[in-house]
Amino acid sequence: MAQKQSAVLGVDLGGTEVKFCLFDSLGTGLLQRWKCPTRDGRMADGLPEFAATIRSECHRLSTQSGYDLESICIAAPGLPGPGNLWVDYMPGRLHGLEKLNWTWLLERDFPVRVINDGQAALLGEIWKGGAVGARHAVQLTIGTGVGGAVFSDGRLLRGAIGRAGHIGHTSVDFQGVGDICGMPGSIEDAVGQVTLHQRSGGEFSVFSELAAGLAAGNPVAQKVWDVSIRALAASVAGIINIIDPEVVLIGGGLIETDLPVLSALGKWMDQFEWRPAGHRVRLEKSRLGQEAGAYGAAFAAINSQVLLD
């Protein structure tokens, strides 16, 4: 019988899809990548369907493939608990995720750890994406909401309870309406898809519709775009003053459209960014796209110390 190849698995549990990336144990090569529907709210075998899916895929790899899983890490929304062994706090969606012990569920003799999905995406970009070699980097992931993460002095910034990097819940209007975390005028509500229908007076609901409207010269689309991108630039300029990164990465559904995100953002940054001696921070599109979280989870599976420092 042929000897199995040692491998590590990164899993990114999203609201719509579960993404898997399998690497060799050193992380030098991507062996497989695939995805499955999340089906949030549905049950299977007495478990949330997303949990049953991940268990089934891990079992398949262990029994029906030529790979021996040495380590697994799960990227998920929410705040990880002690030792990064489960998600402690994730209200409102992915019911059943909170306190789910993945080591027990996947029946492993090694700890299966979890990482916040925004932080995982940035680790993926630093490992094999748009911020390779950076010691100071920030990522904003702009989709339904706005996620974020910070890498400072060569380390992932996690904070006292794992809350660090939730840039979406910082304010660009202290007189604005509170967001889901209570923050008035948050950048999430200013640019996220979650409020696009409201911000456009009901004309657009998703970024692709906004992009089409902008291309067609729709004045509502133009106004929404101008206000949104100015708010984003103000937020990014503030982050730069606090974190002092080498690079700011923009990822998520917004930048995957035909909207001219980086060029429009750059024009406002020319006004807002403090540039001592002419120094300017690089603005980059996230290169790993929707797989960044799974890549970052695989990196954390190989280098678990990034979660325990």
C-alpha atoms as a PDB file:
ATOM      1  CA  MET A   1       0.000   0.000   0.000  1.00  0.00           C
ATOM      2  CA  ALA A   2       1.381   3.388  -1.002  1.00  0.00           C
ATOM      3  CA  GLN A   3       2.376   5.718   1.804  1.00  0.00           C
ATOM      4  CA  LYS A   4       0.065   8.666   2.256  1.00  0.00           C
ATOM      5  CA  GLN A   5       1.320  12.209   1.745  1.00  0.00           C
ATOM      6  CA  SER A   6       1.272  14.455   4.814  1.00  0.00           C
ATOM      7  CA  ALA A   7      -1.008  17.454   4.329  1.00  0.00           C
ATOM      8  CA  VAL A   8      -2.670  20.349   6.140  1.00  0.00           C
ATOM      9  CA  LEU A   9      -6.177  21.654   5.580  1.00  0.00           C
ATOM     10  CA  GLY A  10      -7.441  25.219   5.741  1.00  0.00           C
ATOM     11  CA  VAL A  11     -11.209  25.682   5.885  1.00  0.00           C
ATOM     12  CA  ASP A  12     -13.039  28.995   5.497  1.00  0.00           C
ATOM     13  CA  LEU A  13     -16.598  28.856   6.826  1.00  0.00           C
ATOM     14  CA  GLY A  14     -18.579  31.623   5.152  1.00  0.00           C
ATOM     15  CA  GLY A  15     -22.242  32.529   5.159  1.00  0.00           C
ATOM     16  CA  THR A  16     -22.764  31.146   1.636  1.00  0.00           C
ATOM     17  CA  GLU A  17     -19.901  28.722   0.986  1.00  0.00           C
ATOM     18  CA  VAL A  18     -17.383  26.592   2.841  1.00  0.00           C
ATOM     19  CA  LYS A  19     -14.030  26.764   1.067  1.00  0.00           C
ATOM     20  CA  PHE A  20     -11.265  24.170   1.457  1.00  0.00           C
ATOM     21  CA  CYS A  21      -7.566  24.442   0.577  1.00  0.00           C
ATOM     22  CA  LEU A  22      -5.281  21.427   1.051  1.00  0.00           C
ATOM     23  CA  PHE A  23      -1.524  22.034   1.143  1.00  0.00           C
ATOM     24  CA  ASP A  24       1.481  19.808   1.625  1.00  0.00           C
ATOM     25  CA  SER A  25       2.702  19.796   5.224  1.00  0.00           C
ATOM     26  CA  LEU A  26       5.358  22.453   4.536  1.00  0.00           C
ATOM     27  CA  GLY A  27       2.909  24.733   2.745  1.00  0.00           C
ATOM     28  CA  THR A  28       5.014  24.807  -0.414  1.00  0.00           C
ATOM     29  CA  GLY A  29       2.318  23.534  -2.745  1.00  0.00           C
ATOM     30  CA  LEU A  30      -1.469  23.676  -3.059  1.00  0.00           C
ATOM     31  CA  LEU A  31      -2.699  20.116  -3.514  1.00  0.00           C
ATOM     32  CA  GLN A  32      -6.457  20.619  -3.831  1.00  0.00           C
ATOM     33  CA  ARG A  33      -9.092  23.313  -3.458  1.00  0.00           C
ATOM     34  CA  TRP A  34     -12.864  22.997  -3.517  1.00  0.00           C
ATOM     35  CA  LYS A  35     -16.006  24.420  -1.951  1.00  0.00           C
ATOM     36  CA  CYS A  36     -19.393  23.330  -0.679  1.00  0.00           C
ATOM     37  CA  PRO A  37     -22.592  25.247   0.145  1.00  0.00           C
ATOM     38  CA  THR A  38     -22.907  26.386   3.767  1.00  0.00           C
ATOM     39  CA  ARG A  39     -26.691  26.066   4.038  1.00  0.00           C
ATOM     40  CA  ASP A  40     -26.864  28.143   7.186  1.00  0.00           C
ATOM     41  CA  GLY A  41     -29.923  27.274   9.264  1.00  0.00           C
ATOM     42  CA  ARG A  42     -30.249  23.702   8.014  1.00  0.00           C
ATOM     43  CA  MET A  43     -29.493  20.581  10.056  1.00  0.00           C
ATOM     44  CA  ALA A  44     -27.941  17.239   9.099  1.00  0.00           C
ATOM     45  CA  ASP A  45     -27.224  14.268  11.390  1.00  0.00           C
ATOM     46  CA  GLY A  46     -28.179  16.368  14.413  1.00  0.00           C
ATOM     47  CA  LEU A  47     -25.616  19.039  13.511  1.00  0.00           C
ATOM     48  CA  PRO A  48     -25.688  22.344  11.665  1.00  0.00           C
ATOM     49  CA  GLU A  49     -25.264  21.320   8.032  1.00  0.00           C
ATOM     50  CA  PHE A  50     -22.040  23.335   7.682  1.00  0.00           C
ATOM     51  CA  ALA A  51     -20.510  21.340  10.548  1.00  0.00           C
ATOM     52  CA  ALA A  52     -21.675  18.033   9.077  1.00  0.00           C
ATOM     53  CA  THR A  53     -20.211  19.054   5.703  1.00  0.00           C
ATOM     54  CA  ILE A  54     -16.805  19.899   7.152  1.00  0.00           C
ATOM     55  CA  ARG A  55     -16.766  16.652   9.148  1.00  0.00           C
ATOM     56  CA  SER A  56     -17.709  14.659   6.065  1.00  0.00           C
ATOM     57  CA  GLU A  57     -15.020  16.287   3.917  1.00  0.00           C
ATOM     58  CA  CYS A  58     -12.325  15.717   6.555  1.00  0.00           C
ATOM     59  CA  HIS A  59     -13.406  12.080   6.925  1.00  0.00           C
ATOM     60  CA  ARG A  60     -13.281  11.628   3.156  1.00  0.00           C
ATOM     61  CA  LEU A  61      -9.746  13.013   2.999  1.00  0.00           C
ATOM     62  CA  SER A  62      -8.596  10.782   5.830  1.00  0.00           C
ATOM     63  CA  THR A  63     -10.124   7.553   4.485  1.00  0.00           C
ATOM     64  CA  GLN A  64     -10.504   7.837   0.727  1.00  0.00           C
ATOM     65  CA  SER A  65      -7.589   9.962  -0.426  1.00  0.00           C
ATOM     66  CA  GLY A  66      -3.845   9.602  -0.521  1.00  0.00           C
ATOM     67  CA  TYR A  67      -3.374  12.246   2.153  1.00  0.00           C
ATOM     68  CA  ASP A  68      -2.684  12.077   5.873  1.00  0.00           C
ATOM     69  CA  LEU A  69      -4.073  15.181   7.574  1.00  0.00           C
ATOM     70  CA  GLU A  70      -1.476  16.462  10.040  1.00  0.00           C
ATOM     71  CA  SER A  71      -3.275  19.673  10.963  1.00  0.00           C
ATOM     72  CA  ILE A  72      -6.581  21.476  10.365  1.00  0.00           C
ATOM     73  CA  CYS A  73      -7.615  25.060  11.019  1.00  0.00           C
ATOM     74  CA  ILE A  74     -11.079  26.574  10.596  1.00  0.00           C
ATOM     75  CA  ALA A  75     -11.554  30.245   9.657  1.00  0.00           C
ATOM     76  CA  ALA A  76     -14.938  31.550  10.743  1.00  0.00           C
ATOM     77  CA  PRO A  77     -16.647  34.801  11.661  1.00  0.00           C
ATOM     78  CA  GLY A  78     -16.836  35.680  15.336  1.00  0.00           C
ATOM     79  CA  LEU A  79     -14.443  35.803  18.264  1.00  0.00           C
ATOM     80  CA  PRO A  80     -12.413  32.649  19.041  1.00  0.00           C
ATOM     81  CA  GLY A  81     -12.460  31.270  22.568  1.00  0.00           C
ATOM     82  CA  PRO A  82      -9.585  30.218  24.843  1.00  0.00           C
ATOM     83  CA  GLY A  83      -6.802  28.453  22.987  1.00  0.00           C
ATOM     84  CA  ASN A  84      -8.591  29.108  19.673  1.00  0.00           C
ATOM     85  CA  LEU A  85     -10.420  25.793  20.025  1.00  0.00           C
ATOM     86  CA  TRP A  86     -13.923  27.131  19.259  1.00  0.00           C
ATOM     87  CA  VAL A  87     -15.792  30.313  18.427  1.00  0.00           C
ATOM     88  CA  ASP A  88     -16.944  31.971  21.631  1.00  0.00           C
ATOM     89  CA  TYR A  89     -19.146  34.701  20.195  1.00  0.00           C
ATOM     90  CA  MET A  90     -20.986  34.802  16.868  1.00  0.00           C
ATOM     91  CA  PRO A  91     -24.522  36.188  17.234  1.00  0.00           C
ATOM     92  CA  GLY A  92     -27.181  36.372  14.571  1.00  0.00           C
ATOM     93  CA  ARG A  93     -26.117  33.737  12.055  1.00  0.00           C
ATOM     94  CA  LEU A  94     -24.354  30.379  11.661  1.00  0.00           C
ATOM     95  CA  HIS A  95     -26.448  29.025  14.516  1.00  0.00           C
ATOM     96  CA  GLY A  96     -24.611  26.207  16.276  1.00  0.00           C
ATOM     97  CA  LEU A  97     -21.148  27.610  15.625  1.00  0.00           C
ATOM     98  CA  GLU A  98     -20.691  29.109  19.087  1.00  0.00           C
ATOM     99  CA  LYS A  99     -18.820  26.746  21.467  1.00  0.00           C
ATOM    100  CA  LEU A 100     -18.591  24.027  18.802  1.00  0.00           C
ATOM    101  CA  ASN A 101     -15.449  22.035  19.669  1.00  0.00           C
ATOM    102  CA  TRP A 102     -13.923  21.161  16.319  1.00  0.00           C
ATOM    103  CA  THR A 103     -11.310  18.778  17.738  1.00  0.00           C
ATOM    104  CA  TRP A 104     -14.115  16.673  19.188  1.00  0.00           C
ATOM    105  CA  LEU A 105     -16.344  16.988  16.146  1.00  0.00           C
ATOM    106  CA  LEU A 106     -13.632  15.962  13.679  1.00  0.00           C
ATOM    107  CA  GLU A 107     -12.317  13.225  16.007  1.00  0.00           C
ATOM    108  CA  ARG A 108      -8.692  14.288  15.792  1.00  0.00           C
ATOM    109  CA  ASP A 109      -5.775  13.483  18.093  1.00  0.00           C
ATOM    110  CA  PHE A 110      -4.393  16.995  17.548  1.00  0.00           C
ATOM    111  CA  PRO A 111      -6.082  20.313  18.401  1.00  0.00           C
ATOM    112  CA  VAL A 112      -8.200  21.685  15.569  1.00  0.00           C
ATOM    113  CA  ARG A 113      -8.014  25.444  16.016  1.00  0.00           C
ATOM    114  CA  VAL A 114     -10.186  28.298  14.796  1.00  0.00           C
ATOM    115  CA  ILE A 115      -9.250  31.764  13.592  1.00  0.00           C
ATOM    116  CA  ASN A 116     -11.368  34.816  12.833  1.00  0.00           C
ATOM    117  CA  ASP A 117     -12.050  34.853   9.095  1.00  0.00           C
ATOM    118  CA  GLY A 118     -10.896  38.446   8.574  1.00  0.00           C
ATOM    119  CA  GLN A 119      -7.619  37.739  10.329  1.00  0.00           C
ATOM    120  CA  ALA A 120      -7.224  34.536   8.315  1.00  0.00           C
ATOM    121  CA  ALA A 121      -7.677  36.427   5.041  1.00  0.00           C
ATOM    122  CA  LEU A 122      -4.863  38.821   5.914  1.00  0.00           C
ATOM    123  CA  LEU A 123      -2.559  35.963   6.926  1.00  0.00           C
ATOM    124  CA  GLY A 124      -3.266  34.339   3.576  1.00  0.00           C
ATOM    125  CA  GLU A 125      -2.342  37.519   1.718  1.00  0.00           C
ATOM    126  CA  ILE A 126       0.887  37.891   3.715  1.00  0.00           C
ATOM    127  CA  TRP A 127       1.746  34.247   3.078  1.00  0.00           C
ATOM    128  CA  LYS A 128       1.004  33.940  -0.645  1.00  0.00           C
ATOM    129  CA  GLY A 129      -0.925  37.022  -1.787  1.00  0.00           C
ATOM    130  CA  GLY A 130      -0.672  40.765  -2.128  1.00  0.00           C
ATOM    131  CA  ALA A 131       1.359  41.480   1.004  1.00  0.00           C
ATOM    132  CA  VAL A 132       4.146  38.894   0.826  1.00  0.00           C
ATOM    133  CA  GLY A 133       7.095  40.049   2.910  1.00  0.00           C
ATOM    134  CA  ALA A 134       5.213  42.846   4.669  1.00  0.00           C
ATOM    135  CA  ARG A 135       5.705  43.336   8.414  1.00  0.00           C
ATOM    136  CA  HIS A 136       3.000  46.000   8.659  1.00  0.00           C
ATOM    137  CA  ALA A 137      -0.242  45.442   6.728  1.00  0.00           C
ATOM    138  CA  VAL A 138      -3.974  46.096   6.978  1.00  0.00           C
ATOM    139  CA  GLN A 139      -6.790  44.422   5.093  1.00  0.00           C
ATOM    140  CA  LEU A 140     -10.382  45.546   4.593  1.00  0.00           C
ATOM    141  CA  THR A 141     -12.768  42.980   3.163  1.00  0.00           C
ATOM    142  CA  ILE A 142     -15.795  44.784   1.766  1.00  0.00           C
ATOM    143  CA  GLY A 143     -18.749  42.549   1.054  1.00  0.00           C
ATOM    144  CA  THR A 144     -22.108  42.337   2.766  1.00  0.00           C
ATOM    145  CA  GLY A 145     -20.350  43.897   5.738  1.00  0.00           C
ATOM    146  CA  VAL A 146     -16.802  45.142   6.194  1.00  0.00           C
ATOM    147  CA  GLY A 147     -14.255  42.850   7.802  1.00  0.00           C
ATOM    148  CA  GLY A 148     -10.694  43.688   8.616  1.00  0.00           C
ATOM    149  CA  ALA A 149      -7.426  42.645  10.169  1.00  0.00           C
ATOM    150  CA  VAL A 150      -4.090  44.153  11.207  1.00  0.00           C
ATOM    151  CA  PHE A 151      -0.574  42.733  10.973  1.00  0.00           C
ATOM    152  CA  SER A 152       1.913  44.854  12.933  1.00  0.00           C
ATOM    153  CA  ASP A 153       5.619  44.361  13.604  1.00  0.00           C
ATOM    154  CA  GLY A 154       5.442  40.944  11.975  1.00  0.00           C
ATOM    155  CA  ARG A 155       2.589  39.667  14.147  1.00  0.00           C
ATOM    156  CA  LEU A 156      -1.151  39.321  13.768  1.00  0.00           C
ATOM    157  CA  LEU A 157      -2.833  41.842  16.046  1.00  0.00           C
ATOM    158  CA  ARG A 158      -5.550  40.023  17.994  1.00  0.00           C
ATOM    159  CA  GLY A 159      -6.080  42.120  21.133  1.00  0.00           C
ATOM    160  CA  ALA A 160      -7.342  41.156  24.577  1.00  0.00           C
ATOM    161  CA  ILE A 161     -10.369  39.119  23.424  1.00  0.00           C
ATOM    162  CA  GLY A 162      -9.652  38.649  19.713  1.00  0.00           C
ATOM    163  CA  ARG A 163     -11.604  41.736  18.677  1.00  0.00           C
ATOM    164  CA  ALA A 164      -8.722  43.630  17.059  1.00  0.00           C
ATOM    165  CA  GLY A 165      -9.099  44.450  13.384  1.00  0.00           C
ATOM    166  CA  HIS A 166     -12.880  44.858  13.284  1.00  0.00           C
ATOM    167  CA  ILE A 167     -12.412  47.954  11.159  1.00  0.00           C
ATOM    168  CA  GLY A 168     -15.946  47.789   9.795  1.00  0.00           C
ATOM    169  CA  HIS A 169     -17.251  48.849  13.189  1.00  0.00           C
ATOM    170  CA  THR A 170     -15.257  52.073  13.399  1.00  0.00           C
ATOM    171  CA  SER A 171     -16.985  55.397  12.788  1.00  0.00           C
ATOM    172  CA  VAL A 172     -16.834  57.871   9.927  1.00  0.00           C
ATOM    173  CA  ASP A 173     -19.865  59.811  11.268  1.00  0.00           C
ATOM    174  CA  PHE A 174     -20.349  60.126  15.010  1.00  0.00           C
ATOM    175  CA  GLN A 175     -23.872  61.496  14.439  1.00  0.00           C
ATOM    176  CA  GLY A 176     -24.919  58.537  12.303  1.00  0.00           C
ATOM    177  CA  VAL A 177     -27.229  55.654  13.112  1.00  0.00           C
ATOM    178  CA  GLY A 178     -25.775  52.796  15.134  1.00  0.00           C
ATOM    179  CA  ASP A 179     -24.749  49.648  13.272  1.00  0.00           C
ATOM    180  CA  ILE A 180     -25.219  46.057  14.459  1.00  0.00           C
ATOM    181  CA  CYS A 181     -22.507  46.590  17.080  1.00  0.00           C
ATOM    182  CA  GLY A 182     -23.904  49.973  18.151  1.00  0.00           C
ATOM    183  CA  MET A 183     -21.252  52.056  16.397  1.00  0.00           C
ATOM    184  CA  PRO A 184     -22.699  55.312  14.991  1.00  0.00           C
ATOM    185  CA  GLY A 185     -21.966  55.958  11.337  1.00  0.00           C
ATOM    186  CA  SER A 186     -19.750  52.911  10.868  1.00  0.00           C
ATOM    187  CA  ILE A 187     -17.683  52.306   7.764  1.00  0.00           C
ATOM    188  CA  GLU A 188     -19.604  49.023   7.352  1.00  0.00           C
ATOM    189  CA  ASP A 189     -22.873  50.908   6.995  1.00  0.00           C
ATOM    190  CA  ALA A 190     -21.210  53.534   4.783  1.00  0.00           C
ATOM    191  CA  VAL A 191     -19.810  51.137   2.159  1.00  0.00           C
ATOM    192  CA  GLY A 192     -21.097  47.614   2.878  1.00  0.00           C
ATOM    193  CA  GLN A 193     -23.630  45.917   0.634  1.00  0.00           C
ATOM    194  CA  VAL A 194     -25.858  45.420   3.672  1.00  0.00           C
ATOM    195  CA  THR A 195     -27.070  49.038   3.467  1.00  0.00           C
ATOM    196  CA  LEU A 196     -26.789  49.593  -0.302  1.00  0.00           C
ATOM    197  CA  HIS A 197     -30.552  49.300  -0.861  1.00  0.00           C
ATOM    198  CA  GLN A 198     -31.158  51.933   1.800  1.00  0.00           C
ATOM    199  CA  ARG A 199     -28.341  54.237   0.649  1.00  0.00           C
ATOM    200  CA  SER A 200     -29.597  54.177  -2.934  1.00  0.00           C
ATOM    201  CA  GLY A 201     -33.230  54.846  -2.098  1.00  0.00           C
ATOM    202  CA  GLY A 202     -34.138  51.302  -3.100  1.00  0.00           C
ATOM    203  CA  GLU A 203     -32.555  51.485  -6.544  1.00  0.00           C
ATOM    204  CA  PHE A 204     -29.684  49.019  -6.008  1.00  0.00           C
ATOM    205  CA  SER A 205     -29.296  46.018  -3.736  1.00  0.00           C
ATOM    206  CA  VAL A 206     -25.981  44.453  -4.754  1.00  0.00           C
ATOM    207  CA  PHE A 207     -22.624  45.832  -5.896  1.00  0.00           C
ATOM    208  CA  SER A 208     -23.030  44.496  -9.436  1.00  0.00           C
ATOM    209  CA  GLU A 209     -26.179  46.596  -9.856  1.00  0.00           C
ATOM    210  CA  LEU A 210     -24.347  49.657  -8.576  1.00  0.00           C
ATOM    211  CA  ALA A 211     -21.513  49.018 -11.039  1.00  0.00           C
ATOM    212  CA  ALA A 212     -23.962  48.708 -13.937  1.00  0.00           C
ATOM    213  CA  GLY A 213     -25.692  51.913 -12.881  1.00  0.00           C
ATOM    214  CA  LEU A 214     -22.409  53.769 -12.661  1.00  0.00           C
ATOM    215  CA  ALA A 215     -21.383  52.544 -16.126  1.00  0.00           C
ATOM    216  CA  ALA A 216     -24.743  53.718 -17.503  1.00  0.00           C
ATOM    217  CA  GLY A 217     -24.350  57.193 -16.030  1.00  0.00           C
ATOM    218  CA  ASN A 218     -27.131  56.798 -13.464  1.00  0.00           C
ATOM    219  CA  PRO A 219     -26.967  59.876 -11.188  1.00  0.00           C
ATOM    220  CA  VAL A 220     -28.104  57.930  -8.116  1.00  0.00           C
ATOM    221  CA  ALA A 221     -25.336  55.406  -8.670  1.00  0.00           C
ATOM    222  CA  GLN A 222     -22.812  58.206  -9.057  1.00  0.00           C
ATOM    223  CA  LYS A 223     -23.894  59.883  -5.817  1.00  0.00           C
ATOM    224  CA  VAL A 224     -23.868  56.636  -3.835  1.00  0.00           C
ATOM    225  CA  TRP A 225     -20.444  55.762  -5.245  1.00  0.00           C
ATOM    226  CA  ASP A 226     -18.931  59.176  -4.507  1.00  0.00           C
ATOM    227  CA  VAL A 227     -20.165  59.224  -0.904  1.00  0.00           C
ATOM    228  CA  SER A 228     -19.142  55.609  -0.289  1.00  0.00           C
ATOM    229  CA  ILE A 229     -15.623  55.914  -1.682  1.00  0.00           C
ATOM    230  CA  ARG A 230     -14.989  59.179   0.182  1.00  0.00           C
ATOM    231  CA  ALA A 231     -16.058  57.513   3.445  1.00  0.00           C
ATOM    232  CA  LEU A 232     -13.778  54.569   2.685  1.00  0.00           C
ATOM    233  CA  ALA A 233     -10.843  56.895   2.004  1.00  0.00           C
ATOM    234  CA  ALA A 234     -11.397  58.748   5.273  1.00  0.00           C
ATOM    235  CA  SER A 235     -11.439  55.433   7.111  1.00  0.00           C
ATOM    236  CA  VAL A 236      -8.281  54.166   5.382  1.00  0.00           C
ATOM    237  CA  ALA A 237      -6.448  57.441   6.065  1.00  0.00           C
ATOM    238  CA  GLY A 238      -7.355  57.188   9.742  1.00  0.00           C
ATOM    239  CA  ILE A 239      -6.171  53.587   9.892  1.00  0.00           C
ATOM    240  CA  ILE A 240      -2.864  54.618   8.329  1.00  0.00           C
ATOM    241  CA  ASN A 241      -2.336  57.225  11.041  1.00  0.00           C
ATOM    242  CA  ILE A 242      -3.009  54.662  13.775  1.00  0.00           C
ATOM    243  CA  ILE A 243      -1.284  51.551  12.393  1.00  0.00           C
ATOM    244  CA  ASP A 244       1.329  52.997   9.982  1.00  0.00           C
ATOM    245  CA  PRO A 245       1.220  50.043   7.554  1.00  0.00           C
ATOM    246  CA  GLU A 246       3.328  49.428   4.477  1.00  0.00           C
ATOM    247  CA  VAL A 247       0.300  48.293   2.498  1.00  0.00           C
ATOM    248  CA  VAL A 248      -3.494  48.424   2.734  1.00  0.00           C
ATOM    249  CA  LEU A 249      -5.254  45.561   0.966  1.00  0.00           C
ATOM    250  CA  ILE A 250      -8.841  45.831  -0.252  1.00  0.00           C
ATOM    251  CA  GLY A 251     -10.714  42.585  -0.777  1.00  0.00           C
ATOM    252  CA  GLY A 252     -14.244  41.267  -0.916  1.00  0.00           C
ATOM    253  CA  GLY A 253     -17.172  41.567  -3.266  1.00  0.00           C
ATOM    254  CA  LEU A 254     -16.808  45.306  -3.855  1.00  0.00           C
ATOM    255  CA  ILE A 255     -13.431  45.020  -5.540  1.00  0.00           C
ATOM    256  CA  GLU A 256     -14.449  41.920  -7.510  1.00  0.00           C
ATOM    257  CA  THR A 257     -16.924  44.062  -9.492  1.00  0.00           C
ATOM    258  CA  ASP A 258     -16.126  46.453 -12.332  1.00  0.00           C
ATOM    259  CA  LEU A 259     -16.183  49.406  -9.928  1.00  0.00           C
ATOM    260  CA  PRO A 260     -12.924  51.440 -10.089  1.00  0.00           C
ATOM    261  CA  VAL A 261     -12.205  50.998  -6.396  1.00  0.00           C
ATOM    262  CA  LEU A 262      -8.450  51.541  -6.178  1.00  0.00           C
ATOM    263  CA  SER A 263      -8.257  54.436  -8.638  1.00  0.00           C
ATOM    264  CA  ALA A 264     -11.169  56.273  -7.011  1.00  0.00           C
ATOM    265  CA  LEU A 265      -9.807  55.573  -3.544  1.00  0.00           C
ATOM    266  CA  GLY A 266      -6.378  56.821  -4.567  1.00  0.00           C
ATOM    267  CA  LYS A 267      -7.751  60.210  -5.645  1.00  0.00           C
ATOM    268  CA  TRP A 268      -9.273  60.820  -2.222  1.00  0.00           C
ATOM    269  CA  MET A 269      -6.153  59.518  -0.492  1.00  0.00           C
ATOM    270  CA  ASP A 270      -4.200  62.264  -2.257  1.00  0.00           C
ATOM    271  CA  GLN A 271      -6.237  64.658  -0.112  1.00  0.00           C
ATOM    272  CA  PHE A 272      -6.618  62.704   3.119  1.00  0.00           C
ATOM    273  CA  GLU A 273      -3.390  60.758   3.641  1.00  0.00           C
ATOM    274  CA  TRP A 274      -0.625  62.270   5.763  1.00  0.00           C
ATOM    275  CA  ARG A 275       2.558  61.685   3.756  1.00  0.00           C
ATOM    276  CA  PRO A 276       5.670  62.751   5.701  1.00  0.00           C
ATOM    277  CA  ALA A 277       8.588  63.309   3.290  1.00  0.00           C
ATOM    278  CA  GLY A 278       6.301  62.203   0.465  1.00  0.00           C
ATOM    279  CA  HIS A 279       5.879  58.670   1.800  1.00  0.00           C
ATOM    280  CA  ARG A 280       2.640  57.046   0.674  1.00  0.00           C
ATOM    281  CA  VAL A 281       1.133  53.742   1.681  1.00  0.00           C
ATOM    282  CA  ARG A 282       0.548  51.194  -1.080  1.00  0.00           C
ATOM    283  CA  LEU A 283      -3.054  50.361  -1.904  1.00  0.00           C
ATOM    284  CA  GLU A 284      -3.429  46.847  -3.300  1.00  0.00           C
ATOM    285  CA  LYS A 285      -6.210  44.553  -4.378  1.00  0.00           C
ATOM    286  CA  SER A 286      -6.246  41.314  -2.419  1.00  0.00           C
ATOM    287  CA  ARG A 287      -4.764  38.739  -4.784  1.00  0.00           C
ATOM    288  CA  LEU A 288      -6.196  35.554  -3.320  1.00  0.00           C
ATOM    289  CA  GLY A 289      -9.797  36.674  -3.736  1.00  0.00           C
ATOM    290  CA  GLN A 290     -12.402  34.513  -2.054  1.00  0.00           C
ATOM    291  CA  GLU A 291      -9.813  31.869  -1.139  1.00  0.00           C
ATOM    292  CA  ALA A 292      -7.782  34.179   1.119  1.00  0.00           C
ATOM    293  CA  GLY A 293      -9.461  32.902   4.295  1.00  0.00           C
ATOM    294  CA  ALA A 294      -8.807  29.250   3.471  1.00  0.00           C
ATOM    295  CA  TYR A 295      -5.190  30.048   2.608  1.00  0.00           C
ATOM    296  CA  GLY A 296      -4.786  31.884   5.914  1.00  0.00           C
ATOM    297  CA  ALA A 297      -6.367  29.025   7.832  1.00  0.00           C
ATOM    298  CA  ALA A 298      -3.909  26.617   6.190  1.00  0.00           C
ATOM    299  CA  PHE A 299      -1.038  28.907   7.171  1.00  0.00           C
ATOM    300  CA  ALA A 300      -2.300  28.908  10.770  1.00  0.00           C
ATOM    301  CA  ALA A 301      -2.585  25.102  10.628  1.00  0.00           C
ATOM    302  CA  ILE A 302       1.093  24.913   9.711  1.00  0.00           C
ATOM    303  CA  ASN A 303       2.149  27.697  12.086  1.00  0.00           C
ATOM    304  CA  SER A 304      -0.212  27.417  15.050  1.00  0.00           C
ATOM    305  CA  GLN A 305       1.993  29.734  17.104  1.00  0.00           C
ATOM    306  CA  VAL A 306       0.514  32.717  15.233  1.00  0.00           C
ATOM    307  CA  LEU A 307      -2.712  31.994  17.148  1.00  0.00           C
ATOM    308  CA  LEU A 308      -1.077  31.421  20.529  1.00  0.00           C
ATOM    309  CA  ASP A 309       1.473  34.251  20.838  1.00  0.00           C
END
